Amino acid sequence: MLDLRKVVALLLGHLAHDVGHVLLGGHDDRFLSPSLFHWKSQSGTPEGSATGLRYQTLGLGGNRAILFVRETQDQPYLFLGELKYLRHEGSRPMGIDFELKMPMPAKDFQAWASIVAA
């Protein structure tokens, strides 16, 4: 059972926009596979800042993160589980790849991947 008192980060992914834009707010949030999620930090987050360093330790020790995603702003979020930091690129914003502790079912991955590709 996930103890929410030990979660230090909550990532919210927006996979599509309901007015024709493929990505919401310029973010590049997307699934790379059923177990890999790519997320963009806020535009002002440098990799060496306290926040940037916290992202780089998610999933290590007691530093836990959970992921919620939704297709559009009008839909509720779907809980997908815990994440572990794998790598990042850039700074201001950081493009971060996370691994899902439990991969999503292949049918759900296909559905989410098709949203971003549309």
PDB file of N, CA and C in Angstrom:
ATOM      1  N   MET A   1       0.838  -1.177   0.000  1.00  0.00           N
ATOM      2  CA  MET A   1       0.000   0.000   0.000  1.00  0.00           C
ATOM      3  C   MET A   1       0.887   1.246   0.000  1.00  0.00           C
ATOM      4  N   LEU A   2       0.524   2.213  -0.801  1.00  0.00           N
ATOM      5  CA  LEU A   2       1.281   3.455  -0.931  1.00  0.00           C
ATOM      6  C   LEU A   2       0.971   4.370   0.245  1.00  0.00           C
ATOM      7  N   ASP A   3       1.986   4.731   1.005  1.00  0.00           N
ATOM      8  CA  ASP A   3       1.830   5.645   2.124  1.00  0.00           C
ATOM      9  C   ASP A   3       2.002   7.068   1.594  1.00  0.00           C
ATOM     10  N   LEU A   4       0.909   7.794   1.438  1.00  0.00           N
ATOM     11  CA  LEU A   4       0.959   9.133   0.859  1.00  0.00           C
ATOM     12  C   LEU A   4       1.720  10.128   1.725  1.00  0.00           C
ATOM     13  N   ARG A   5       1.930   9.812   2.982  1.00  0.00           N
ATOM     14  CA  ARG A   5       2.704  10.712   3.846  1.00  0.00           C
ATOM     15  C   ARG A   5       4.171  10.728   3.443  1.00  0.00           C
ATOM     16  N   LYS A   6       4.626   9.751   2.668  1.00  0.00           N
ATOM     17  CA  LYS A   6       6.027   9.668   2.269  1.00  0.00           C
ATOM     18  C   LYS A   6       6.267  10.133   0.830  1.00  0.00           C
ATOM     19  N   VAL A   7       5.228  10.612   0.162  1.00  0.00           N
ATOM     20  CA  VAL A   7       5.359  11.089  -1.219  1.00  0.00           C
ATOM     21  C   VAL A   7       5.828  12.534  -1.187  1.00  0.00           C
ATOM     22  N   VAL A   8       6.932  12.824  -1.896  1.00  0.00           N
ATOM     23  CA  VAL A   8       7.466  14.182  -1.911  1.00  0.00           C
ATOM     24  C   VAL A   8       7.172  14.909  -3.215  1.00  0.00           C
ATOM     25  N   ALA A   9       6.663  14.201  -4.211  1.00  0.00           N
ATOM     26  CA  ALA A   9       6.349  14.854  -5.479  1.00  0.00           C
ATOM     27  C   ALA A   9       5.119  14.224  -6.098  1.00  0.00           C
ATOM     28  N   LEU A  10       4.313  15.062  -6.666  1.00  0.00           N
ATOM     29  CA  LEU A  10       3.118  14.637  -7.373  1.00  0.00           C
ATOM     30  C   LEU A  10       3.218  15.213  -8.770  1.00  0.00           C
ATOM     31  N   LEU A  11       3.385  14.346  -9.772  1.00  0.00           N
ATOM     32  CA  LEU A  11       3.501  14.820 -11.147  1.00  0.00           C
ATOM     33  C   LEU A  11       2.156  14.696 -11.828  1.00  0.00           C
ATOM     34  N   LEU A  12       1.768  15.757 -12.499  1.00  0.00           N
ATOM     35  CA  LEU A  12       0.522  15.778 -13.244  1.00  0.00           C
ATOM     36  C   LEU A  12       0.860  15.919 -14.716  1.00  0.00           C
ATOM     37  N   GLY A  13       0.472  14.931 -15.498  1.00  0.00           N
ATOM     38  CA  GLY A  13       0.754  14.953 -16.929  1.00  0.00           C
ATOM     39  C   GLY A  13      -0.482  15.290 -17.718  1.00  0.00           C
ATOM     40  N   HIS A  14      -0.342  16.184 -18.669  1.00  0.00           N
ATOM     41  CA  HIS A  14      -1.418  16.517 -19.589  1.00  0.00           C
ATOM     42  C   HIS A  14      -0.992  16.028 -20.961  1.00  0.00           C
ATOM     43  N   LEU A  15      -1.753  15.126 -21.523  1.00  0.00           N
ATOM     44  CA  LEU A  15      -1.329  14.473 -22.758  1.00  0.00           C
ATOM     45  C   LEU A  15      -1.903  15.097 -24.017  1.00  0.00           C
ATOM     46  N   ALA A  16      -2.947  15.868 -23.908  1.00  0.00           N
ATOM     47  CA  ALA A  16      -3.534  16.504 -25.092  1.00  0.00           C
ATOM     48  C   ALA A  16      -4.278  17.747 -24.655  1.00  0.00           C
ATOM     49  N   HIS A  17      -4.645  18.549 -25.617  1.00  0.00           N
ATOM     50  CA  HIS A  17      -5.425  19.754 -25.351  1.00  0.00           C
ATOM     51  C   HIS A  17      -6.713  19.645 -26.142  1.00  0.00           C
ATOM     52  N   ASP A  18      -7.783  20.114 -25.573  1.00  0.00           N
ATOM     53  CA  ASP A  18      -9.086  19.899 -26.194  1.00  0.00           C
ATOM     54  C   ASP A  18      -9.450  20.912 -27.274  1.00  0.00           C
ATOM     55  N   VAL A  19      -8.547  21.799 -27.669  1.00  0.00           N
ATOM     56  CA  VAL A  19      -8.857  22.745 -28.737  1.00  0.00           C
ATOM     57  C   VAL A  19      -7.930  22.555 -29.932  1.00  0.00           C
ATOM     58  N   GLY A  20      -7.455  21.347 -30.125  1.00  0.00           N
ATOM     59  CA  GLY A  20      -6.684  21.045 -31.314  1.00  0.00           C
ATOM     60  C   GLY A  20      -5.183  21.018 -31.126  1.00  0.00           C
ATOM     61  N   HIS A  21      -4.689  21.526 -30.020  1.00  0.00           N
ATOM     62  CA  HIS A  21      -3.255  21.456 -29.779  1.00  0.00           C
ATOM     63  C   HIS A  21      -2.909  20.065 -29.272  1.00  0.00           C
ATOM     64  N   VAL A  22      -1.826  19.509 -29.763  1.00  0.00           N
ATOM     65  CA  VAL A  22      -1.453  18.161 -29.346  1.00  0.00           C
ATOM     66  C   VAL A  22      -0.954  18.162 -27.904  1.00  0.00           C
ATOM     67  N   LEU A  23      -0.225  19.163 -27.504  1.00  0.00           N
ATOM     68  CA  LEU A  23       0.339  19.186 -26.164  1.00  0.00           C
ATOM     69  C   LEU A  23      -0.135  20.419 -25.421  1.00  0.00           C
ATOM     70  N   LEU A  24      -0.393  20.263 -24.155  1.00  0.00           N
ATOM     71  CA  LEU A  24      -0.947  21.333 -23.337  1.00  0.00           C
ATOM     72  C   LEU A  24       0.146  22.257 -22.825  1.00  0.00           C
ATOM     73  N   GLY A  25      -0.048  23.551 -22.997  1.00  0.00           N
ATOM     74  CA  GLY A  25       0.836  24.532 -22.401  1.00  0.00           C
ATOM     75  C   GLY A  25       2.273  24.453 -22.859  1.00  0.00           C
ATOM     76  N   GLY A  26       2.515  23.905 -24.041  1.00  0.00           N
ATOM     77  CA  GLY A  26       3.871  23.800 -24.528  1.00  0.00           C
ATOM     78  C   GLY A  26       4.650  22.657 -23.902  1.00  0.00           C
ATOM     79  N   HIS A  27       4.038  21.953 -22.965  1.00  0.00           N
ATOM     80  CA  HIS A  27       4.722  20.827 -22.329  1.00  0.00           C
ATOM     81  C   HIS A  27       4.795  19.653 -23.289  1.00  0.00           C
ATOM     82  N   ASP A  28       5.759  18.832 -23.052  1.00  0.00           N
ATOM     83  CA  ASP A  28       6.018  17.673 -23.898  1.00  0.00           C
ATOM     84  C   ASP A  28       5.845  16.398 -23.074  1.00  0.00           C
ATOM     85  N   ASP A  29       4.745  16.311 -22.325  1.00  0.00           N
ATOM     86  CA  ASP A  29       4.482  15.140 -21.496  1.00  0.00           C
ATOM     87  C   ASP A  29       3.986  14.016 -22.389  1.00  0.00           C
ATOM     88  N   ARG A  30       4.636  12.839 -22.283  1.00  0.00           N
ATOM     89  CA  ARG A  30       4.221  11.724 -23.138  1.00  0.00           C
ATOM     90  C   ARG A  30       4.779  10.411 -22.599  1.00  0.00           C
ATOM     91  N   PHE A  31       4.137   9.330 -23.000  1.00  0.00           N
ATOM     92  CA  PHE A  31       4.628   8.000 -22.675  1.00  0.00           C
ATOM     93  C   PHE A  31       5.549   7.539 -23.786  1.00  0.00           C
ATOM     94  N   LEU A  32       6.712   7.032 -23.415  1.00  0.00           N
ATOM     95  CA  LEU A  32       7.663   6.491 -24.372  1.00  0.00           C
ATOM     96  C   LEU A  32       7.456   4.993 -24.546  1.00  0.00           C
ATOM     97  N   SER A  33       6.887   4.363 -23.534  1.00  0.00           N
ATOM     98  CA  SER A  33       6.573   2.937 -23.525  1.00  0.00           C
ATOM     99  C   SER A  33       5.589   2.715 -22.378  1.00  0.00           C
ATOM    100  N   PRO A  34       5.081   1.497 -22.193  1.00  0.00           N
ATOM    101  CA  PRO A  34       4.177   1.269 -21.066  1.00  0.00           C
ATOM    102  C   PRO A  34       4.812   1.531 -19.694  1.00  0.00           C
ATOM    103  N   SER A  35       6.134   1.568 -19.629  1.00  0.00           N
ATOM    104  CA  SER A  35       6.782   1.797 -18.335  1.00  0.00           C
ATOM    105  C   SER A  35       7.629   3.073 -18.286  1.00  0.00           C
ATOM    106  N   LEU A  36       7.695   3.847 -19.371  1.00  0.00           N
ATOM    107  CA  LEU A  36       8.503   5.066 -19.400  1.00  0.00           C
ATOM    108  C   LEU A  36       7.644   6.282 -19.692  1.00  0.00           C
ATOM    109  N   PHE A  37       7.809   7.320 -18.862  1.00  0.00           N
ATOM    110  CA  PHE A  37       7.057   8.561 -19.009  1.00  0.00           C
ATOM    111  C   PHE A  37       8.030   9.716 -19.103  1.00  0.00           C
ATOM    112  N   HIS A  38       7.848  10.582 -20.113  1.00  0.00           N
ATOM    113  CA  HIS A  38       8.675  11.778 -20.293  1.00  0.00           C
ATOM    114  C   HIS A  38       7.866  12.980 -19.824  1.00  0.00           C
ATOM    115  N   TRP A  39       8.466  13.800 -18.960  1.00  0.00           N
ATOM    116  CA  TRP A  39       7.772  14.929 -18.350  1.00  0.00           C
ATOM    117  C   TRP A  39       8.660  16.159 -18.419  1.00  0.00           C
ATOM    118  N   LYS A  40       8.065  17.319 -18.688  1.00  0.00           N
ATOM    119  CA  LYS A  40       8.807  18.583 -18.697  1.00  0.00           C
ATOM    120  C   LYS A  40       8.509  19.341 -17.416  1.00  0.00           C
ATOM    121  N   SER A  41       9.566  19.822 -16.771  1.00  0.00           N
ATOM    122  CA  SER A  41       9.412  20.643 -15.569  1.00  0.00           C
ATOM    123  C   SER A  41       8.892  22.018 -15.972  1.00  0.00           C
ATOM    124  N   GLN A  42       8.627  22.843 -14.971  1.00  0.00           N
ATOM    125  CA  GLN A  42       8.269  24.222 -15.255  1.00  0.00           C
ATOM    126  C   GLN A  42       9.444  24.890 -15.955  1.00  0.00           C
ATOM    127  N   SER A  43       9.161  25.888 -16.776  1.00  0.00           N
ATOM    128  CA  SER A  43      10.189  26.486 -17.638  1.00  0.00           C
ATOM    129  C   SER A  43      11.340  27.125 -16.871  1.00  0.00           C
ATOM    130  N   GLY A  44      11.129  27.529 -15.644  1.00  0.00           N
ATOM    131  CA  GLY A  44      12.194  28.184 -14.889  1.00  0.00           C
ATOM    132  C   GLY A  44      13.010  27.267 -14.002  1.00  0.00           C
ATOM    133  N   THR A  45      12.849  25.943 -14.144  1.00  0.00           N
ATOM    134  CA  THR A  45      13.543  25.005 -13.248  1.00  0.00           C
ATOM    135  C   THR A  45      14.919  24.622 -13.797  1.00  0.00           C
ATOM    136  N   PRO A  46      16.000  25.160 -13.201  1.00  0.00           N
ATOM    137  CA  PRO A  46      17.341  24.735 -13.621  1.00  0.00           C
ATOM    138  C   PRO A  46      17.712  23.406 -12.969  1.00  0.00           C
ATOM    139  N   GLU A  47      18.513  22.615 -13.660  1.00  0.00           N
ATOM    140  CA  GLU A  47      18.864  21.284 -13.163  1.00  0.00           C
ATOM    141  C   GLU A  47      19.635  21.314 -11.850  1.00  0.00           C
ATOM    142  N   GLY A  48      20.375  22.373 -11.567  1.00  0.00           N
ATOM    143  CA  GLY A  48      21.155  22.452 -10.345  1.00  0.00           C
ATOM    144  C   GLY A  48      20.430  23.072  -9.159  1.00  0.00           C
ATOM    145  N   SER A  49      19.192  23.507  -9.354  1.00  0.00           N
ATOM    146  CA  SER A  49      18.422  24.113  -8.260  1.00  0.00           C
ATOM    147  C   SER A  49      17.949  23.036  -7.289  1.00  0.00           C
ATOM    148  N   ALA A  50      17.440  23.468  -6.139  1.00  0.00           N
ATOM    149  CA  ALA A  50      16.915  22.516  -5.154  1.00  0.00           C
ATOM    150  C   ALA A  50      15.791  21.673  -5.777  1.00  0.00           C
ATOM    151  N   THR A  51      14.925  22.309  -6.548  1.00  0.00           N
ATOM    152  CA  THR A  51      13.832  21.578  -7.192  1.00  0.00           C
ATOM    153  C   THR A  51      14.377  20.620  -8.243  1.00  0.00           C
ATOM    154  N   GLY A  52      15.299  21.082  -9.075  1.00  0.00           N
ATOM    155  CA  GLY A  52      15.896  20.227 -10.098  1.00  0.00           C
ATOM    156  C   GLY A  52      16.593  19.017  -9.500  1.00  0.00           C
ATOM    157  N   LEU A  53      17.320  19.237  -8.422  1.00  0.00           N
ATOM    158  CA  LEU A  53      18.007  18.130  -7.753  1.00  0.00           C
ATOM    159  C   LEU A  53      17.013  17.168  -7.101  1.00  0.00           C
ATOM    160  N   ARG A  54      15.915  17.718  -6.580  1.00  0.00           N
ATOM    161  CA  ARG A  54      14.882  16.853  -5.995  1.00  0.00           C
ATOM    162  C   ARG A  54      14.286  15.942  -7.067  1.00  0.00           C
ATOM    163  N   TYR A  55      14.030  16.482  -8.261  1.00  0.00           N
ATOM    164  CA  TYR A  55      13.524  15.650  -9.365  1.00  0.00           C
ATOM    165  C   TYR A  55      14.497  14.518  -9.685  1.00  0.00           C
ATOM    166  N   GLN A  56      15.788  14.812  -9.618  1.00  0.00           N
ATOM    167  CA  GLN A  56      16.816  13.828  -9.978  1.00  0.00           C
ATOM    168  C   GLN A  56      16.979  12.724  -8.934  1.00  0.00           C
ATOM    169  N   THR A  57      16.360  12.863  -7.786  1.00  0.00           N
ATOM    170  CA  THR A  57      16.442  11.824  -6.763  1.00  0.00           C
ATOM    171  C   THR A  57      15.100  11.144  -6.518  1.00  0.00           C
ATOM    172  N   LEU A  58      14.105  11.444  -7.351  1.00  0.00           N
ATOM    173  CA  LEU A  58      12.797  10.811  -7.166  1.00  0.00           C
ATOM    174  C   LEU A  58      12.901   9.310  -7.387  1.00  0.00           C
ATOM    175  N   GLY A  59      12.340   8.559  -6.462  1.00  0.00           N
ATOM    176  CA  GLY A  59      12.383   7.105  -6.527  1.00  0.00           C
ATOM    177  C   GLY A  59      13.559   6.504  -5.784  1.00  0.00           C
ATOM    178  N   LEU A  60      14.406   7.339  -5.220  1.00  0.00           N
ATOM    179  CA  LEU A  60      15.561   6.857  -4.457  1.00  0.00           C
ATOM    180  C   LEU A  60      15.319   7.077  -2.974  1.00  0.00           C
ATOM    181  N   GLY A  61      15.626   6.096  -2.179  1.00  0.00           N
ATOM    182  CA  GLY A  61      15.443   6.223  -0.735  1.00  0.00           C
ATOM    183  C   GLY A  61      13.998   6.541  -0.400  1.00  0.00           C
ATOM    184  N   GLY A  62      13.788   7.538   0.433  1.00  0.00           N
ATOM    185  CA  GLY A  62      12.438   7.939   0.815  1.00  0.00           C
ATOM    186  C   GLY A  62      11.844   9.010  -0.073  1.00  0.00           C
ATOM    187  N   ASN A  63      12.546   9.364  -1.143  1.00  0.00           N
ATOM    188  CA  ASN A  63      12.114  10.429  -2.050  1.00  0.00           C
ATOM    189  C   ASN A  63      11.193   9.834  -3.112  1.00  0.00           C
ATOM    190  N   ARG A  64       9.891   9.827  -2.863  1.00  0.00           N
ATOM    191  CA  ARG A  64       8.942   9.129  -3.727  1.00  0.00           C
ATOM    192  C   ARG A  64       8.076  10.096  -4.527  1.00  0.00           C
ATOM    193  N   ALA A  65       7.679   9.648  -5.706  1.00  0.00           N
ATOM    194  CA  ALA A  65       6.808  10.440  -6.574  1.00  0.00           C
ATOM    195  C   ALA A  65       5.706   9.549  -7.118  1.00  0.00           C
ATOM    196  N   ILE A  66       4.546  10.149  -7.351  1.00  0.00           N
ATOM    197  CA  ILE A  66       3.434   9.431  -7.962  1.00  0.00           C
ATOM    198  C   ILE A  66       2.956  10.213  -9.179  1.00  0.00           C
ATOM    199  N   LEU A  67       2.356   9.504 -10.116  1.00  0.00           N
ATOM    200  CA  LEU A  67       1.947  10.104 -11.388  1.00  0.00           C
ATOM    201  C   LEU A  67       0.443  10.005 -11.588  1.00  0.00           C
ATOM    202  N   PHE A  68      -0.132  11.130 -11.983  1.00  0.00           N
ATOM    203  CA  PHE A  68      -1.511  11.205 -12.433  1.00  0.00           C
ATOM    204  C   PHE A  68      -1.492  11.818 -13.828  1.00  0.00           C
ATOM    205  N   VAL A  69      -2.295  11.312 -14.748  1.00  0.00           N
ATOM    206  CA  VAL A  69      -2.382  11.880 -16.088  1.00  0.00           C
ATOM    207  C   VAL A  69      -3.849  12.066 -16.470  1.00  0.00           C
ATOM    208  N   ARG A  70      -4.063  12.938 -17.427  1.00  0.00           N
ATOM    209  CA  ARG A  70      -5.389  13.100 -18.012  1.00  0.00           C
ATOM    210  C   ARG A  70      -5.212  13.547 -19.451  1.00  0.00           C
ATOM    211  N   GLU A  71      -6.224  13.281 -20.244  1.00  0.00           N
ATOM    212  CA  GLU A  71      -6.159  13.650 -21.655  1.00  0.00           C
ATOM    213  C   GLU A  71      -6.425  15.135 -21.851  1.00  0.00           C
ATOM    214  N   THR A  72      -7.473  15.642 -21.244  1.00  0.00           N
ATOM    215  CA  THR A  72      -7.827  17.057 -21.393  1.00  0.00           C
ATOM    216  C   THR A  72      -8.132  17.652 -20.029  1.00  0.00           C
ATOM    217  N   GLN A  73      -8.230  18.962 -19.986  1.00  0.00           N
ATOM    218  CA  GLN A  73      -8.528  19.653 -18.733  1.00  0.00           C
ATOM    219  C   GLN A  73      -9.913  19.319 -18.204  1.00  0.00           C
ATOM    220  N   ASP A  74     -10.810  18.864 -19.055  1.00  0.00           N
ATOM    221  CA  ASP A  74     -12.179  18.560 -18.645  1.00  0.00           C
ATOM    222  C   ASP A  74     -12.333  17.171 -18.043  1.00  0.00           C
ATOM    223  N   GLN A  75     -11.297  16.367 -18.089  1.00  0.00           N
ATOM    224  CA  GLN A  75     -11.391  14.997 -17.603  1.00  0.00           C
ATOM    225  C   GLN A  75     -10.691  14.844 -16.259  1.00  0.00           C
ATOM    226  N   PRO A  76     -11.114  13.862 -15.481  1.00  0.00           N
ATOM    227  CA  PRO A  76     -10.428  13.604 -14.210  1.00  0.00           C
ATOM    228  C   PRO A  76      -9.054  12.984 -14.461  1.00  0.00           C
ATOM    229  N   TYR A  77      -8.188  13.102 -13.468  1.00  0.00           N
ATOM    230  CA  TYR A  77      -6.877  12.473 -13.550  1.00  0.00           C
ATOM    231  C   TYR A  77      -6.987  10.971 -13.299  1.00  0.00           C
ATOM    232  N   LEU A  78      -6.103  10.219 -13.942  1.00  0.00           N
ATOM    233  CA  LEU A  78      -5.987   8.775 -13.756  1.00  0.00           C
ATOM    234  C   LEU A  78      -4.687   8.515 -13.010  1.00  0.00           C
ATOM    235  N   PHE A  79      -4.761   7.786 -11.893  1.00  0.00           N
ATOM    236  CA  PHE A  79      -3.578   7.452 -11.109  1.00  0.00           C
ATOM    237  C   PHE A  79      -2.844   6.292 -11.767  1.00  0.00           C
ATOM    238  N   LEU A  80      -1.531   6.476 -12.029  1.00  0.00           N
ATOM    239  CA  LEU A  80      -0.740   5.431 -12.677  1.00  0.00           C
ATOM    240  C   LEU A  80       0.358   4.849 -11.789  1.00  0.00           C
ATOM    241  N   GLY A  81       0.544   5.379 -10.603  1.00  0.00           N
ATOM    242  CA  GLY A  81       1.476   4.759  -9.677  1.00  0.00           C
ATOM    243  C   GLY A  81       2.743   5.541  -9.410  1.00  0.00           C
ATOM    244  N   GLU A  82       3.704   4.834  -8.834  1.00  0.00           N
ATOM    245  CA  GLU A  82       4.968   5.433  -8.425  1.00  0.00           C
ATOM    246  C   GLU A  82       5.951   5.533  -9.590  1.00  0.00           C
ATOM    247  N   LEU A  83       6.835   6.516  -9.490  1.00  0.00           N
ATOM    248  CA  LEU A  83       7.839   6.785 -10.512  1.00  0.00           C
ATOM    249  C   LEU A  83       9.247   6.716  -9.931  1.00  0.00           C
ATOM    250  N   LYS A  84      10.194   6.439 -10.821  1.00  0.00           N
ATOM    251  CA  LYS A  84      11.619   6.496 -10.478  1.00  0.00           C
ATOM    252  C   LYS A  84      12.332   7.299 -11.570  1.00  0.00           C
ATOM    253  N   TYR A  85      13.157   8.252 -11.158  1.00  0.00           N
ATOM    254  CA  TYR A  85      13.952   9.057 -12.084  1.00  0.00           C
ATOM    255  C   TYR A  85      14.933   8.171 -12.838  1.00  0.00           C
ATOM    256  N   LEU A  86      15.037   8.385 -14.166  1.00  0.00           N
ATOM    257  CA  LEU A  86      16.029   7.669 -14.971  1.00  0.00           C
ATOM    258  C   LEU A  86      17.117   8.603 -15.493  1.00  0.00           C
ATOM    259  N   ARG A  87      16.697   9.717 -16.102  1.00  0.00           N
ATOM    260  CA  ARG A  87      17.654  10.643 -16.730  1.00  0.00           C
ATOM    261  C   ARG A  87      16.919  11.940 -17.069  1.00  0.00           C
ATOM    262  N   HIS A  88      17.706  12.951 -17.397  1.00  0.00           N
ATOM    263  CA  HIS A  88      17.096  14.207 -17.847  1.00  0.00           C
ATOM    264  C   HIS A  88      17.986  14.863 -18.899  1.00  0.00           C
ATOM    265  N   GLU A  89      17.365  15.783 -19.620  1.00  0.00           N
ATOM    266  CA  GLU A  89      18.068  16.613 -20.601  1.00  0.00           C
ATOM    267  C   GLU A  89      17.689  18.059 -20.334  1.00  0.00           C
ATOM    268  N   GLY A  90      18.649  18.920 -20.510  1.00  0.00           N
ATOM    269  CA  GLY A  90      18.372  20.346 -20.461  1.00  0.00           C
ATOM    270  C   GLY A  90      18.162  20.909 -19.067  1.00  0.00           C
ATOM    271  N   SER A  91      17.856  22.195 -19.090  1.00  0.00           N
ATOM    272  CA  SER A  91      17.656  22.976 -17.890  1.00  0.00           C
ATOM    273  C   SER A  91      16.805  24.167 -18.290  1.00  0.00           C
ATOM    274  N   ARG A  92      15.825  24.486 -17.469  1.00  0.00           N
ATOM    275  CA  ARG A  92      14.925  25.625 -17.752  1.00  0.00           C
ATOM    276  C   ARG A  92      14.168  25.464 -19.057  1.00  0.00           C
ATOM    277  N   PRO A  93      13.382  24.478 -19.300  1.00  0.00           N
ATOM    278  CA  PRO A  93      12.953  23.412 -18.391  1.00  0.00           C
ATOM    279  C   PRO A  93      13.836  22.172 -18.502  1.00  0.00           C
ATOM    280  N   MET A  94      13.603  21.268 -17.587  1.00  0.00           N
ATOM    281  CA  MET A  94      14.248  19.952 -17.622  1.00  0.00           C
ATOM    282  C   MET A  94      13.290  18.980 -18.307  1.00  0.00           C
ATOM    283  N   GLY A  95      13.789  18.193 -19.238  1.00  0.00           N
ATOM    284  CA  GLY A  95      13.021  17.102 -19.824  1.00  0.00           C
ATOM    285  C   GLY A  95      13.444  15.825 -19.104  1.00  0.00           C
ATOM    286  N   ILE A  96      12.531  15.245 -18.343  1.00  0.00           N
ATOM    287  CA  ILE A  96      12.889  14.139 -17.454  1.00  0.00           C
ATOM    288  C   ILE A  96      12.178  12.861 -17.863  1.00  0.00           C
ATOM    289  N   ASP A  97      12.943  11.766 -17.918  1.00  0.00           N
ATOM    290  CA  ASP A  97      12.373  10.438 -18.162  1.00  0.00           C
ATOM    291  C   ASP A  97      12.263   9.711 -16.835  1.00  0.00           C
ATOM    292  N   PHE A  98      11.059   9.201 -16.578  1.00  0.00           N
ATOM    293  CA  PHE A  98      10.770   8.441 -15.373  1.00  0.00           C
ATOM    294  C   PHE A  98      10.328   7.041 -15.757  1.00  0.00           C
ATOM    295  N   GLU A  99      10.594   6.101 -14.875  1.00  0.00           N
ATOM    296  CA  GLU A  99      10.115   4.734 -15.050  1.00  0.00           C
ATOM    297  C   GLU A  99       8.945   4.512 -14.092  1.00  0.00           C
ATOM    298  N   LEU A 100       7.859   3.964 -14.617  1.00  0.00           N
ATOM    299  CA  LEU A 100       6.725   3.581 -13.769  1.00  0.00           C
ATOM    300  C   LEU A 100       7.086   2.314 -13.016  1.00  0.00           C
ATOM    301  N   LYS A 101       6.792   2.273 -11.734  1.00  0.00           N
ATOM    302  CA  LYS A 101       7.088   1.083 -10.931  1.00  0.00           C
ATOM    303  C   LYS A 101       6.335  -0.130 -11.478  1.00  0.00           C
ATOM    304  N   MET A 102       5.102   0.079 -11.881  1.00  0.00           N
ATOM    305  CA  MET A 102       4.273  -0.965 -12.487  1.00  0.00           C
ATOM    306  C   MET A 102       3.857  -0.475 -13.877  1.00  0.00           C
ATOM    307  N   PRO A 103       4.312  -1.123 -14.946  1.00  0.00           N
ATOM    308  CA  PRO A 103       3.933  -0.672 -16.294  1.00  0.00           C
ATOM    309  C   PRO A 103       2.416  -0.694 -16.475  1.00  0.00           C
ATOM    310  N   MET A 104       1.942   0.242 -17.266  1.00  0.00           N
ATOM    311  CA  MET A 104       0.513   0.257 -17.569  1.00  0.00           C
ATOM    312  C   MET A 104       0.201  -0.855 -18.570  1.00  0.00           C
ATOM    313  N   PRO A 105      -1.039  -1.335 -18.612  1.00  0.00           N
ATOM    314  CA  PRO A 105      -1.397  -2.351 -19.602  1.00  0.00           C
ATOM    315  C   PRO A 105      -1.149  -1.842 -21.024  1.00  0.00           C
ATOM    316  N   ALA A 106      -0.749  -2.741 -21.906  1.00  0.00           N
ATOM    317  CA  ALA A 106      -0.415  -2.374 -23.289  1.00  0.00           C
ATOM    318  C   ALA A 106      -1.566  -1.647 -23.971  1.00  0.00           C
ATOM    319  N   LYS A 107      -2.811  -2.057 -23.722  1.00  0.00           N
ATOM    320  CA  LYS A 107      -3.961  -1.404 -24.371  1.00  0.00           C
ATOM    321  C   LYS A 107      -4.078   0.052 -23.920  1.00  0.00           C
ATOM    322  N   ASP A 108      -3.780   0.333 -22.650  1.00  0.00           N
ATOM    323  CA  ASP A 108      -3.829   1.711 -22.171  1.00  0.00           C
ATOM    324  C   ASP A 108      -2.699   2.534 -22.777  1.00  0.00           C
ATOM    325  N   PHE A 109      -1.503   1.927 -22.902  1.00  0.00           N
ATOM    326  CA  PHE A 109      -0.389   2.633 -23.525  1.00  0.00           C
ATOM    327  C   PHE A 109      -0.737   3.001 -24.966  1.00  0.00           C
ATOM    328  N   GLN A 110      -1.318   2.073 -25.716  1.00  0.00           N
ATOM    329  CA  GLN A 110      -1.701   2.346 -27.109  1.00  0.00           C
ATOM    330  C   GLN A 110      -2.690   3.498 -27.175  1.00  0.00           C
ATOM    331  N   ALA A 111      -3.657   3.532 -26.251  1.00  0.00           N
ATOM    332  CA  ALA A 111      -4.645   4.605 -26.234  1.00  0.00           C
ATOM    333  C   ALA A 111      -3.979   5.957 -25.953  1.00  0.00           C
ATOM    334  N   TRP A 112      -3.093   6.027 -24.950  1.00  0.00           N
ATOM    335  CA  TRP A 112      -2.434   7.279 -24.614  1.00  0.00           C
ATOM    336  C   TRP A 112      -1.469   7.699 -25.716  1.00  0.00           C
ATOM    337  N   ALA A 113      -0.760   6.742 -26.299  1.00  0.00           N
ATOM    338  CA  ALA A 113       0.189   7.068 -27.375  1.00  0.00           C
ATOM    339  C   ALA A 113      -0.535   7.636 -28.576  1.00  0.00           C
ATOM    340  N   SER A 114      -1.719   7.134 -28.872  1.00  0.00           N
ATOM    341  CA  SER A 114      -2.471   7.638 -30.029  1.00  0.00           C
ATOM    342  C   SER A 114      -2.958   9.055 -29.818  1.00  0.00           C
ATOM    343  N   ILE A 115      -3.210   9.437 -28.561  1.00  0.00           N
ATOM    344  CA  ILE A 115      -3.644  10.798 -28.254  1.00  0.00           C
ATOM    345  C   ILE A 115      -2.546  11.789 -28.619  1.00  0.00           C
ATOM    346  N   VAL A 116      -1.322  11.503 -28.200  1.00  0.00           N
ATOM    347  CA  VAL A 116      -0.204  12.398 -28.447  1.00  0.00           C
ATOM    348  C   VAL A 116       0.165  12.436 -29.919  1.00  0.00           C
ATOM    349  N   ALA A 117       0.014  11.315 -30.609  1.00  0.00           N
ATOM    350  CA  ALA A 117       0.381  11.263 -32.021  1.00  0.00           C
ATOM    351  C   ALA A 117      -0.633  11.956 -32.908  1.00  0.00           C
ATOM    352  N   ALA A 118      -1.840  12.176 -32.408  1.00  0.00           N
ATOM    353  CA  ALA A 118      -2.916  12.766 -33.230  1.00  0.00           C
ATOM    354  C   ALA A 118      -2.615  14.174 -33.651  1.00  0.00           C
TER     355      ALA A 118
END
